PDB file of N, CA and C in Angstrom:
ATOM      1  N   UNK A   1       0.852  -1.302   0.017  1.00  0.00           N
ATOM      2  CA  UNK A   1       0.034   0.155  -0.208  1.00  0.00           C
ATOM      3  C   UNK A   1       0.788   1.108   0.025  1.00  0.00           C
ATOM      4  N   UNK A   2       0.343   2.007  -0.965  1.00  0.00           N
ATOM      5  CA  UNK A   2       1.016   3.596  -1.292  1.00  0.00           C
ATOM      6  C   UNK A   2       1.135   4.900  -0.083  1.00  0.00           C
ATOM      7  N   UNK A   3       1.117   5.314   0.526  1.00  0.00           N
ATOM      8  CA  UNK A   3       0.285   6.664   1.031  1.00  0.00           C
ATOM      9  C   UNK A   3       1.035   7.973   0.598  1.00  0.00           C
ATOM     10  N   UNK A   4       0.004   9.047  -0.051  1.00  0.00           N
ATOM     11  CA  UNK A   4       0.745  10.205  -0.139  1.00  0.00           C
ATOM     12  C   UNK A   4       0.197  11.297   0.574  1.00  0.00           C
ATOM     13  N   UNK A   5       1.491  11.835   1.510  1.00  0.00           N
ATOM     14  CA  UNK A   5       0.913  12.501   2.687  1.00  0.00           C
ATOM     15  C   UNK A   5       0.537  14.315   1.918  1.00  0.00           C
ATOM     16  N   UNK A   6       1.179  14.385   1.005  1.00  0.00           N
ATOM     17  CA  UNK A   6       1.635  16.140   0.108  1.00  0.00           C
ATOM     18  C   UNK A   6      -0.140  15.802  -0.808  1.00  0.00           C
ATOM     19  N   UNK A   7      -1.487  14.979  -0.915  1.00  0.00           N
ATOM     20  CA  UNK A   7      -1.513  15.038  -1.913  1.00  0.00           C
ATOM     21  C   UNK A   7      -3.198  15.539  -0.995  1.00  0.00           C
ATOM     22  N   UNK A   8      -3.223  16.689  -1.371  1.00  0.00           N
ATOM     23  CA  UNK A   8      -4.823  16.771  -0.376  1.00  0.00           C
ATOM     24  C   UNK A   8      -6.083  15.787  -1.073  1.00  0.00           C
ATOM     25  N   UNK A   9      -6.844  15.527   0.327  1.00  0.00           N
ATOM     26  CA  UNK A   9      -8.051  14.738  -0.671  1.00  0.00           C
ATOM     27  C   UNK A   9      -9.157  15.237  -0.789  1.00  0.00           C
ATOM     28  N   UNK A  10     -10.283  14.673  -1.290  1.00  0.00           N
ATOM     29  CA  UNK A  10     -11.203  15.391  -2.256  1.00  0.00           C
ATOM     30  C   UNK A  10     -12.025  16.189  -0.984  1.00  0.00           C
ATOM     31  N   UNK A  11     -12.407  15.539   0.001  1.00  0.00           N
ATOM     32  CA  UNK A  11     -13.174  16.383   1.311  1.00  0.00           C
ATOM     33  C   UNK A  11     -12.828  17.826   1.386  1.00  0.00           C
ATOM     34  N   UNK A  12     -11.222  18.149   1.239  1.00  0.00           N
ATOM     35  CA  UNK A  12     -10.524  18.923   1.863  1.00  0.00           C
ATOM     36  C   UNK A  12     -10.443  20.457   0.477  1.00  0.00           C
ATOM     37  N   UNK A  13     -10.849  19.715  -0.940  1.00  0.00           N
ATOM     38  CA  UNK A  13     -10.499  20.585  -1.673  1.00  0.00           C
ATOM     39  C   UNK A  13     -11.887  21.063  -1.775  1.00  0.00           C
ATOM     40  N   UNK A  14     -13.082  20.364  -1.395  1.00  0.00           N
ATOM     41  CA  UNK A  14     -14.663  20.780  -1.284  1.00  0.00           C
ATOM     42  C   UNK A  14     -14.758  21.545   0.047  1.00  0.00           C
ATOM     43  N   UNK A  15     -14.187  21.468   0.760  1.00  0.00           N
ATOM     44  CA  UNK A  15     -14.528  22.614   1.760  1.00  0.00           C
ATOM     45  C   UNK A  15     -13.783  23.998   1.422  1.00  0.00           C
ATOM     46  N   UNK A  16     -12.617  23.716   0.693  1.00  0.00           N
ATOM     47  CA  UNK A  16     -11.825  25.407   0.506  1.00  0.00           C
ATOM     48  C   UNK A  16     -13.026  25.670  -0.547  1.00  0.00           C
ATOM     49  N   UNK A  17     -13.524  24.852  -1.441  1.00  0.00           N
ATOM     50  CA  UNK A  17     -14.510  25.677  -2.681  1.00  0.00           C
ATOM     51  C   UNK A  17     -15.497  26.161  -2.216  1.00  0.00           C
ATOM     52  N   UNK A  18     -16.646  25.612  -1.068  1.00  0.00           N
ATOM     53  CA  UNK A  18     -17.207  25.826  -0.435  1.00  0.00           C
ATOM     54  C   UNK A  18     -17.528  27.476   0.350  1.00  0.00           C
ATOM     55  N   UNK A  19     -15.843  27.283   1.088  1.00  0.00           N
ATOM     56  CA  UNK A  19     -15.374  28.986   1.812  1.00  0.00           C
ATOM     57  C   UNK A  19     -14.632  29.830   0.818  1.00  0.00           C
ATOM     58  N   UNK A  20     -14.573  29.339   0.049  1.00  0.00           N
ATOM     59  CA  UNK A  20     -14.219  30.491  -1.110  1.00  0.00           C
ATOM     60  C   UNK A  20     -15.938  31.073  -1.942  1.00  0.00           C
ATOM     61  N   UNK A  21     -16.928  30.011  -1.822  1.00  0.00           N
ATOM     62  CA  UNK A  21     -17.969  30.901  -2.413  1.00  0.00           C
ATOM     63  C   UNK A  21     -18.845  31.384  -1.094  1.00  0.00           C
ATOM     64  N   UNK A  22     -18.750  31.369   0.283  1.00  0.00           N
ATOM     65  CA  UNK A  22     -19.599  32.098   1.395  1.00  0.00           C
ATOM     66  C   UNK A  22     -18.457  32.927   1.437  1.00  0.00           C
ATOM     67  N   UNK A  23     -17.531  33.308   0.955  1.00  0.00           N
ATOM     68  CA  UNK A  23     -16.646  34.728   1.125  1.00  0.00           C
ATOM     69  C   UNK A  23     -16.997  35.469  -0.115  1.00  0.00           C
ATOM     70  N   UNK A  24     -17.648  34.820  -1.685  1.00  0.00           N
ATOM     71  CA  UNK A  24     -17.922  35.436  -2.014  1.00  0.00           C
ATOM     72  C   UNK A  24     -19.746  36.178  -2.088  1.00  0.00           C
ATOM     73  N   UNK A  25     -19.877  35.014  -1.739  1.00  0.00           N
ATOM     74  CA  UNK A  25     -21.625  35.346  -1.300  1.00  0.00           C
ATOM     75  C   UNK A  25     -21.445  36.411  -0.182  1.00  0.00           C
ATOM     76  N   UNK A  26     -20.731  36.411   0.574  1.00  0.00           N
ATOM     77  CA  UNK A  26     -20.735  37.456   1.631  1.00  0.00           C
ATOM     78  C   UNK A  26     -20.313  39.140   1.232  1.00  0.00           C
ATOM     79  N   UNK A  27     -19.301  38.660   0.005  1.00  0.00           N
ATOM     80  CA  UNK A  27     -18.635  40.301  -0.588  1.00  0.00           C
ATOM     81  C   UNK A  27     -19.814  40.888  -1.126  1.00  0.00           C
ATOM     82  N   UNK A  28     -20.272  39.879  -2.215  1.00  0.00           N
ATOM     83  CA  UNK A  28     -21.960  40.502  -2.974  1.00  0.00           C
ATOM     84  C   UNK A  28     -22.854  41.113  -1.676  1.00  0.00           C
ATOM     85  N   UNK A  29     -22.999  40.520  -0.671  1.00  0.00           N
ATOM     86  CA  UNK A  29     -23.900  41.070   0.201  1.00  0.00           C
ATOM     87  C   UNK A  29     -23.305  42.096   0.731  1.00  0.00           C
ATOM     88  N   UNK A  30     -22.457  42.675   1.150  1.00  0.00           N
ATOM     89  CA  UNK A  30     -21.450  43.854   1.606  1.00  0.00           C
ATOM     90  C   UNK A  30     -21.597  45.001   0.191  1.00  0.00           C
ATOM     91  N   UNK A  31     -21.173  44.451  -0.804  1.00  0.00           N
ATOM     92  CA  UNK A  31     -21.482  45.732  -1.504  1.00  0.00           C
ATOM     93  C   UNK A  31     -22.380  46.362  -1.784  1.00  0.00           C
ATOM     94  N   UNK A  32     -23.784  45.143  -1.939  1.00  0.00           N
ATOM     95  CA  UNK A  32     -25.502  45.374  -1.938  1.00  0.00           C
ATOM     96  C   UNK A  32     -25.897  46.161  -1.182  1.00  0.00           C
ATOM     97  N   UNK A  33     -25.068  46.383  -0.016  1.00  0.00           N
ATOM     98  CA  UNK A  33     -25.427  46.918   1.498  1.00  0.00           C
ATOM     99  C   UNK A  33     -24.987  48.389   1.236  1.00  0.00           C
ATOM    100  N   UNK A  34     -23.846  48.623   1.128  1.00  0.00           N
ATOM    101  CA  UNK A  34     -22.924  49.908   0.399  1.00  0.00           C
ATOM    102  C   UNK A  34     -23.656  50.303  -0.690  1.00  0.00           C
ATOM    103  N   UNK A  35     -23.974  50.026  -1.546  1.00  0.00           N
ATOM    104  CA  UNK A  35     -24.562  50.342  -3.051  1.00  0.00           C
ATOM    105  C   UNK A  35     -25.854  51.301  -2.577  1.00  0.00           C
ATOM    106  N   UNK A  36     -26.776  50.298  -1.498  1.00  0.00           N
ATOM    107  CA  UNK A  36     -28.105  50.791  -0.777  1.00  0.00           C
ATOM    108  C   UNK A  36     -28.063  51.848   0.279  1.00  0.00           C
ATOM    109  N   UNK A  37     -27.187  52.084   0.559  1.00  0.00           N
ATOM    110  CA  UNK A  37     -26.469  53.212   1.700  1.00  0.00           C
ATOM    111  C   UNK A  37     -26.307  54.644   0.936  1.00  0.00           C
ATOM    112  N   UNK A  38     -25.330  53.740  -0.557  1.00  0.00           N
ATOM    113  CA  UNK A  38     -24.877  55.242  -0.822  1.00  0.00           C
ATOM    114  C   UNK A  38     -26.310  55.911  -1.866  1.00  0.00           C
ATOM    115  N   UNK A  39     -27.046  54.840  -2.013  1.00  0.00           N
ATOM    116  CA  UNK A  39     -28.207  55.823  -2.721  1.00  0.00           C
ATOM    117  C   UNK A  39     -29.093  56.303  -2.141  1.00  0.00           C
ATOM    118  N   UNK A  40     -28.948  56.141  -1.196  1.00  0.00           N
ATOM    119  CA  UNK A  40     -29.790  57.077   0.461  1.00  0.00           C
ATOM    120  C   UNK A  40     -29.308  58.127   0.436  1.00  0.00           C
ATOM    121  N   UNK A  41     -27.940  57.939   0.537  1.00  0.00           N
ATOM    122  CA  UNK A  41     -27.014  58.977   0.576  1.00  0.00           C
ATOM    123  C   UNK A  41     -27.278  60.230  -0.374  1.00  0.00           C
ATOM    124  N   UNK A  42     -26.871  59.568  -2.265  1.00  0.00           N
ATOM    125  CA  UNK A  42     -26.706  60.795  -2.724  1.00  0.00           C
ATOM    126  C   UNK A  42     -27.510  61.640  -2.948  1.00  0.00           C
ATOM    127  N   UNK A  43     -27.234  63.018  -3.668  1.00  0.00           N
ATOM    128  CA  UNK A  43     -28.360  63.874  -3.736  1.00  0.00           C
ATOM    129  C   UNK A  43     -27.804  64.775  -4.816  1.00  0.00           C
ATOM    130  N   UNK A  44     -28.725  65.128  -5.832  1.00  0.00           N
ATOM    131  CA  UNK A  44     -28.103  66.013  -6.934  1.00  0.00           C
ATOM    132  C   UNK A  44     -29.352  67.639  -6.540  1.00  0.00           C
ATOM    133  N   UNK A  45     -28.025  68.556  -6.976  1.00  0.00           N
ATOM    134  CA  UNK A  45     -29.584  69.875  -6.488  1.00  0.00           C
ATOM    135  C   UNK A  45     -29.169  70.346  -7.678  1.00  0.00           C
ATOM    136  N   UNK A  46     -30.049  70.616  -8.762  1.00  0.00           N
ATOM    137  CA  UNK A  46     -30.080  71.435 -10.374  1.00  0.00           C
ATOM    138  C   UNK A  46     -30.454  72.782 -10.050  1.00  0.00           C
ATOM    139  N   UNK A  47     -29.878  73.089 -10.349  1.00  0.00           N
ATOM    140  CA  UNK A  47     -29.364  74.705 -10.246  1.00  0.00           C
ATOM    141  C   UNK A  47     -30.974  75.701 -11.227  1.00  0.00           C
ATOM    142  N   UNK A  48     -30.696  76.509 -10.905  1.00  0.00           N
ATOM    143  CA  UNK A  48     -32.286  77.182 -11.800  1.00  0.00           C
ATOM    144  C   UNK A  48     -31.649  77.689 -12.950  1.00  0.00           C
ATOM    145  N   UNK A  49     -30.598  78.033 -13.256  1.00  0.00           N
ATOM    146  CA  UNK A  49     -30.070  77.974 -14.520  1.00  0.00           C
ATOM    147  C   UNK A  49     -30.474  77.062 -15.303  1.00  0.00           C
ATOM    148  N   UNK A  50     -29.499  75.695 -14.715  1.00  0.00           N
ATOM    149  CA  UNK A  50     -29.553  74.619 -15.388  1.00  0.00           C
ATOM    150  C   UNK A  50     -30.766  74.143 -15.595  1.00  0.00           C
ATOM    151  N   UNK A  51     -31.728  74.395 -14.283  1.00  0.00           N
ATOM    152  CA  UNK A  51     -33.389  73.799 -15.088  1.00  0.00           C
ATOM    153  C   UNK A  51     -33.914  74.865 -16.487  1.00  0.00           C
ATOM    154  N   UNK A  52     -33.418  75.942 -16.681  1.00  0.00           N
ATOM    155  CA  UNK A  52     -33.753  77.168 -17.384  1.00  0.00           C
ATOM    156  C   UNK A  52     -33.196  76.861 -19.161  1.00  0.00           C
ATOM    157  N   UNK A  53     -32.359  76.339 -18.914  1.00  0.00           N
ATOM    158  CA  UNK A  53     -31.166  75.247 -20.230  1.00  0.00           C
ATOM    159  C   UNK A  53     -32.218  74.078 -20.228  1.00  0.00           C
ATOM    160  N   UNK A  54     -32.291  73.703 -19.652  1.00  0.00           N
ATOM    161  CA  UNK A  54     -33.174  72.115 -19.919  1.00  0.00           C
ATOM    162  C   UNK A  54     -34.503  72.614 -20.654  1.00  0.00           C
ATOM    163  N   UNK A  55     -35.295  73.588 -20.087  1.00  0.00           N
ATOM    164  CA  UNK A  55     -36.062  73.738 -20.674  1.00  0.00           C
ATOM    165  C   UNK A  55     -36.173  74.328 -21.902  1.00  0.00           C
ATOM    166  N   UNK A  56     -34.663  75.037 -22.576  1.00  0.00           N
ATOM    167  CA  UNK A  56     -34.983  76.057 -23.548  1.00  0.00           C
ATOM    168  C   UNK A  56     -34.451  74.517 -24.774  1.00  0.00           C
ATOM    169  N   UNK A  57     -33.152  73.958 -24.292  1.00  0.00           N
ATOM    170  CA  UNK A  57     -32.835  72.546 -25.033  1.00  0.00           C
ATOM    171  C   UNK A  57     -34.613  71.552 -25.336  1.00  0.00           C
ATOM    172  N   UNK A  58     -35.320  71.114 -24.821  1.00  0.00           N
ATOM    173  CA  UNK A  58     -36.650  70.428 -24.649  1.00  0.00           C
ATOM    174  C   UNK A  58     -37.810  71.426 -25.705  1.00  0.00           C
ATOM    175  N   UNK A  59     -37.326  72.490 -25.580  1.00  0.00           N
ATOM    176  CA  UNK A  59     -38.120  73.291 -26.640  1.00  0.00           C
ATOM    177  C   UNK A  59     -37.618  73.163 -28.095  1.00  0.00           C
ATOM    178  N   UNK A  60     -36.155  73.453 -28.055  1.00  0.00           N
ATOM    179  CA  UNK A  60     -35.865  73.263 -29.463  1.00  0.00           C
ATOM    180  C   UNK A  60     -35.591  71.814 -30.098  1.00  0.00           C
ATOM    181  N   UNK A  61     -35.681  70.989 -29.173  1.00  0.00           N
ATOM    182  CA  UNK A  61     -35.897  69.702 -29.877  1.00  0.00           C
ATOM    183  C   UNK A  61     -37.214  69.654 -29.865  1.00  0.00           C
ATOM    184  N   UNK A  62     -38.069  69.973 -29.936  1.00  0.00           N
ATOM    185  CA  UNK A  62     -39.666  69.874 -30.028  1.00  0.00           C
ATOM    186  C   UNK A  62     -39.797  71.056 -31.653  1.00  0.00           C
ATOM    187  N   UNK A  63     -39.139  71.798 -31.473  1.00  0.00           N
ATOM    188  CA  UNK A  63     -38.904  72.338 -32.689  1.00  0.00           C
ATOM    189  C   UNK A  63     -38.484  71.624 -33.764  1.00  0.00           C
ATOM    190  N   UNK A  64     -37.441  71.107 -33.612  1.00  0.00           N
ATOM    191  CA  UNK A  64     -36.634  70.835 -34.823  1.00  0.00           C
ATOM    192  C   UNK A  64     -37.181  69.320 -35.057  1.00  0.00           C
ATOM    193  N   UNK A  65     -38.253  68.379 -33.808  1.00  0.00           N
ATOM    194  CA  UNK A  65     -38.857  67.431 -34.675  1.00  0.00           C
ATOM    195  C   UNK A  65     -40.158  67.816 -35.181  1.00  0.00           C
ATOM    196  N   UNK A  66     -41.019  69.422 -34.864  1.00  0.00           N
ATOM    197  CA  UNK A  66     -41.648  69.666 -35.310  1.00  0.00           C
ATOM    198  C   UNK A  66     -41.446  70.100 -37.356  1.00  0.00           C
ATOM    199  N   UNK A  67     -40.364  69.756 -37.338  1.00  0.00           N
ATOM    200  CA  UNK A  67     -40.142  70.292 -38.644  1.00  0.00           C
ATOM    201  C   UNK A  67     -40.580  69.083 -40.040  1.00  0.00           C
ATOM    202  N   UNK A  68     -40.657  69.503 -40.877  1.00  0.00           N
ATOM    203  CA  UNK A  68     -40.883  68.120 -42.233  1.00  0.00           C
ATOM    204  C   UNK A  68     -39.255  68.050 -42.514  1.00  0.00           C
ATOM    205  N   UNK A  69     -39.077  66.463 -42.294  1.00  0.00           N
ATOM    206  CA  UNK A  69     -37.986  65.810 -42.927  1.00  0.00           C
ATOM    207  C   UNK A  69     -37.412  65.913 -44.026  1.00  0.00           C
ATOM    208  N   UNK A  70     -38.160  66.530 -45.079  1.00  0.00           N
ATOM    209  CA  UNK A  70     -37.858  66.902 -46.584  1.00  0.00           C
ATOM    210  C   UNK A  70     -38.605  68.457 -46.975  1.00  0.00           C
ATOM    211  N   UNK A  71     -37.766  69.591 -47.530  1.00  0.00           N
ATOM    212  CA  UNK A  71     -38.101  70.735 -47.463  1.00  0.00           C
ATOM    213  C   UNK A  71     -38.526  70.500 -49.072  1.00  0.00           C
ATOM    214  N   UNK A  72     -39.753  70.887 -49.580  1.00  0.00           N
ATOM    215  CA  UNK A  72     -40.033  70.667 -51.116  1.00  0.00           C
ATOM    216  C   UNK A  72     -39.230  72.367 -51.718  1.00  0.00           C
ATOM    217  N   UNK A  73     -39.472  73.307 -50.858  1.00  0.00           N
ATOM    218  CA  UNK A  73     -39.195  74.679 -51.900  1.00  0.00           C
ATOM    219  C   UNK A  73     -37.524  74.338 -52.030  1.00  0.00           C
ATOM    220  N   UNK A  74     -37.180  73.740 -50.823  1.00  0.00           N
ATOM    221  CA  UNK A  74     -35.372  73.088 -51.304  1.00  0.00           C
ATOM    222  C   UNK A  74     -34.852  72.650 -51.864  1.00  0.00           C
ATOM    223  N   UNK A  75     -36.133  71.577 -52.249  1.00  0.00           N
ATOM    224  CA  UNK A  75     -35.485  70.633 -53.085  1.00  0.00           C
ATOM    225  C   UNK A  75     -35.714  70.982 -54.383  1.00  0.00           C
ATOM    226  N   UNK A  76     -37.029  72.001 -54.604  1.00  0.00           N
ATOM    227  CA  UNK A  76     -37.528  72.585 -55.906  1.00  0.00           C
ATOM    228  C   UNK A  76     -36.385  73.489 -56.342  1.00  0.00           C
ATOM    229  N   UNK A  77     -35.494  73.964 -55.274  1.00  0.00           N
ATOM    230  CA  UNK A  77     -34.464  75.338 -56.009  1.00  0.00           C
ATOM    231  C   UNK A  77     -33.078  73.964 -56.110  1.00  0.00           C
ATOM    232  N   UNK A  78     -32.843  73.469 -55.448  1.00  0.00           N
ATOM    233  CA  UNK A  78     -31.762  72.474 -55.724  1.00  0.00           C
ATOM    234  C   UNK A  78     -31.875  71.342 -57.036  1.00  0.00           C
ATOM    235  N   UNK A  79     -33.244  71.639 -57.464  1.00  0.00           N
ATOM    236  CA  UNK A  79     -33.238  70.881 -58.563  1.00  0.00           C
ATOM    237  C   UNK A  79     -33.313  71.807 -60.126  1.00  0.00           C
ATOM    238  N   UNK A  80     -33.853  73.240 -59.556  1.00  0.00           N
ATOM    239  CA  UNK A  80     -33.518  74.032 -60.913  1.00  0.00           C
ATOM    240  C   UNK A  80     -31.918  74.285 -60.864  1.00  0.00           C
ATOM    241  N   UNK A  81     -31.438  74.286 -60.202  1.00  0.00           N
ATOM    242  CA  UNK A  81     -30.022  74.574 -60.106  1.00  0.00           C
ATOM    243  C   UNK A  81     -28.808  73.901 -61.239  1.00  0.00           C
ATOM    244  N   UNK A  82     -29.558  72.220 -60.392  1.00  0.00           N
ATOM    245  CA  UNK A  82     -28.603  71.443 -60.757  1.00  0.00           C
ATOM    246  C   UNK A  82     -29.117  71.224 -62.792  1.00  0.00           C
ATOM    247  N   UNK A  83     -30.410  71.625 -63.024  1.00  0.00           N
ATOM    248  CA  UNK A  83     -30.610  71.731 -64.570  1.00  0.00           C
ATOM    249  C   UNK A  83     -29.815  72.603 -64.621  1.00  0.00           C
ATOM    250  N   UNK A  84     -29.695  73.709 -64.199  1.00  0.00           N
ATOM    251  CA  UNK A  84     -29.224  75.022 -65.065  1.00  0.00           C
ATOM    252  C   UNK A  84     -27.439  75.194 -65.209  1.00  0.00           C
ATOM    253  N   UNK A  85     -26.960  74.041 -64.735  1.00  0.00           N
ATOM    254  CA  UNK A  85     -25.578  73.804 -64.270  1.00  0.00           C
ATOM    255  C   UNK A  85     -25.034  74.721 -63.321  1.00  0.00           C
ATOM    256  N   UNK A  86     -25.517  75.424 -62.788  1.00  0.00           N
ATOM    257  CA  UNK A  86     -25.278  76.289 -61.618  1.00  0.00           C
ATOM    258  C   UNK A  86     -24.951  75.637 -60.336  1.00  0.00           C
ATOM    259  N   UNK A  87     -25.253  74.423 -60.062  1.00  0.00           N
ATOM    260  CA  UNK A  87     -25.014  73.452 -59.202  1.00  0.00           C
ATOM    261  C   UNK A  87     -24.089  72.065 -59.792  1.00  0.00           C
ATOM    262  N   UNK A  88     -22.992  71.961 -59.145  1.00  0.00           N
ATOM    263  CA  UNK A  88     -22.484  70.627 -59.712  1.00  0.00           C
ATOM    264  C   UNK A  88     -21.382  70.661 -60.796  1.00  0.00           C
ATOM    265  N   UNK A  89     -21.121  71.811 -61.109  1.00  0.00           N
ATOM    266  CA  UNK A  89     -20.252  72.188 -61.994  1.00  0.00           C
ATOM    267  C   UNK A  89     -18.692  71.963 -61.558  1.00  0.00           C
ATOM    268  N   UNK A  90     -18.643  72.651 -60.073  1.00  0.00           N
ATOM    269  CA  UNK A  90     -17.312  72.842 -59.259  1.00  0.00           C
ATOM    270  C   UNK A  90     -17.718  72.133 -57.882  1.00  0.00           C
ATOM    271  N   UNK A  91     -17.351  71.017 -57.906  1.00  0.00           N
ATOM    272  CA  UNK A  91     -16.985  70.054 -57.009  1.00  0.00           C
ATOM    273  C   UNK A  91     -16.700  71.130 -55.639  1.00  0.00           C
ATOM    274  N   UNK A  92     -15.607  71.128 -55.509  1.00  0.00           N
ATOM    275  CA  UNK A  92     -15.103  72.106 -54.374  1.00  0.00           C
ATOM    276  C   UNK A  92     -16.126  73.417 -53.843  1.00  0.00           C
ATOM    277  N   UNK A  93     -16.923  74.267 -54.808  1.00  0.00           N
ATOM    278  CA  UNK A  93     -17.705  75.644 -54.206  1.00  0.00           C
ATOM    279  C   UNK A  93     -18.805  74.531 -53.892  1.00  0.00           C
ATOM    280  N   UNK A  94     -19.075  73.186 -54.230  1.00  0.00           N
ATOM    281  CA  UNK A  94     -20.311  72.403 -53.482  1.00  0.00           C
ATOM    282  C   UNK A  94     -20.104  72.253 -52.079  1.00  0.00           C
ATOM    283  N   UNK A  95     -18.995  71.976 -52.101  1.00  0.00           N
ATOM    284  CA  UNK A  95     -18.505  71.249 -50.949  1.00  0.00           C
ATOM    285  C   UNK A  95     -18.263  72.242 -49.969  1.00  0.00           C
ATOM    286  N   UNK A  96     -17.571  73.578 -50.182  1.00  0.00           N
ATOM    287  CA  UNK A  96     -17.239  75.009 -49.961  1.00  0.00           C
ATOM    288  C   UNK A  96     -19.021  75.160 -48.868  1.00  0.00           C
ATOM    289  N   UNK A  97     -19.936  75.520 -50.067  1.00  0.00           N
ATOM    290  CA  UNK A  97     -21.176  76.122 -49.542  1.00  0.00           C
ATOM    291  C   UNK A  97     -21.805  75.115 -48.825  1.00  0.00           C
ATOM    292  N   UNK A  98     -21.828  73.352 -48.889  1.00  0.00           N
ATOM    293  CA  UNK A  98     -22.149  72.863 -47.837  1.00  0.00           C
ATOM    294  C   UNK A  98     -21.983  72.813 -46.344  1.00  0.00           C
ATOM    295  N   UNK A  99     -20.779  73.263 -46.366  1.00  0.00           N
ATOM    296  CA  UNK A  99     -19.732  72.996 -45.570  1.00  0.00           C
ATOM    297  C   UNK A  99     -20.302  74.443 -44.207  1.00  0.00           C
ATOM    298  N   UNK A 100     -20.432  75.961 -45.120  1.00  0.00           N
ATOM    299  CA  UNK A 100     -20.489  76.846 -44.614  1.00  0.00           C
ATOM    300  C   UNK A 100     -22.087  77.135 -44.127  1.00  0.00           C
ATOM    301  N   UNK A 101     -22.968  76.521 -45.096  1.00  0.00           N
ATOM    302  CA  UNK A 101     -24.086  76.021 -44.265  1.00  0.00           C
ATOM    303  C   UNK A 101     -24.442  75.151 -43.420  1.00  0.00           C
ATOM    304  N   UNK A 102     -23.431  74.159 -43.215  1.00  0.00           N
ATOM    305  CA  UNK A 102     -23.664  73.420 -41.833  1.00  0.00           C
ATOM    306  C   UNK A 102     -23.074  74.741 -40.720  1.00  0.00           C
ATOM    307  N   UNK A 103     -22.213  75.068 -41.081  1.00  0.00           N
ATOM    308  CA  UNK A 103     -21.793  75.929 -39.649  1.00  0.00           C
ATOM    309  C   UNK A 103     -22.485  77.213 -39.608  1.00  0.00           C
ATOM    310  N   UNK A 104     -23.926  77.857 -40.441  1.00  0.00           N
ATOM    311  CA  UNK A 104     -24.358  78.658 -40.129  1.00  0.00           C
ATOM    312  C   UNK A 104     -25.014  78.254 -38.775  1.00  0.00           C
TER     313      UNK A 104
END
């Protein structure tokens, strides 16, 4: 019969895993408790100026959403310029005009 004293038994390995699992569960419970305590202690105060800006932004978003996706008059102007040759002849000029329009 051969006896190996430096080899852990199956039971000791199971105990180590069980202890590790208990430690992880305790750590998770502590994190949850800390998070709940932090949630109760945290507070945010918004200034009147920030509230006013928020209202202005909300109004701007509503106004932008109210605009039609396609503006027929702009399409008609572009079509007329394209057909007359005024638009599309100089790609650099077109790019500059688009960029300038976006920067307005």
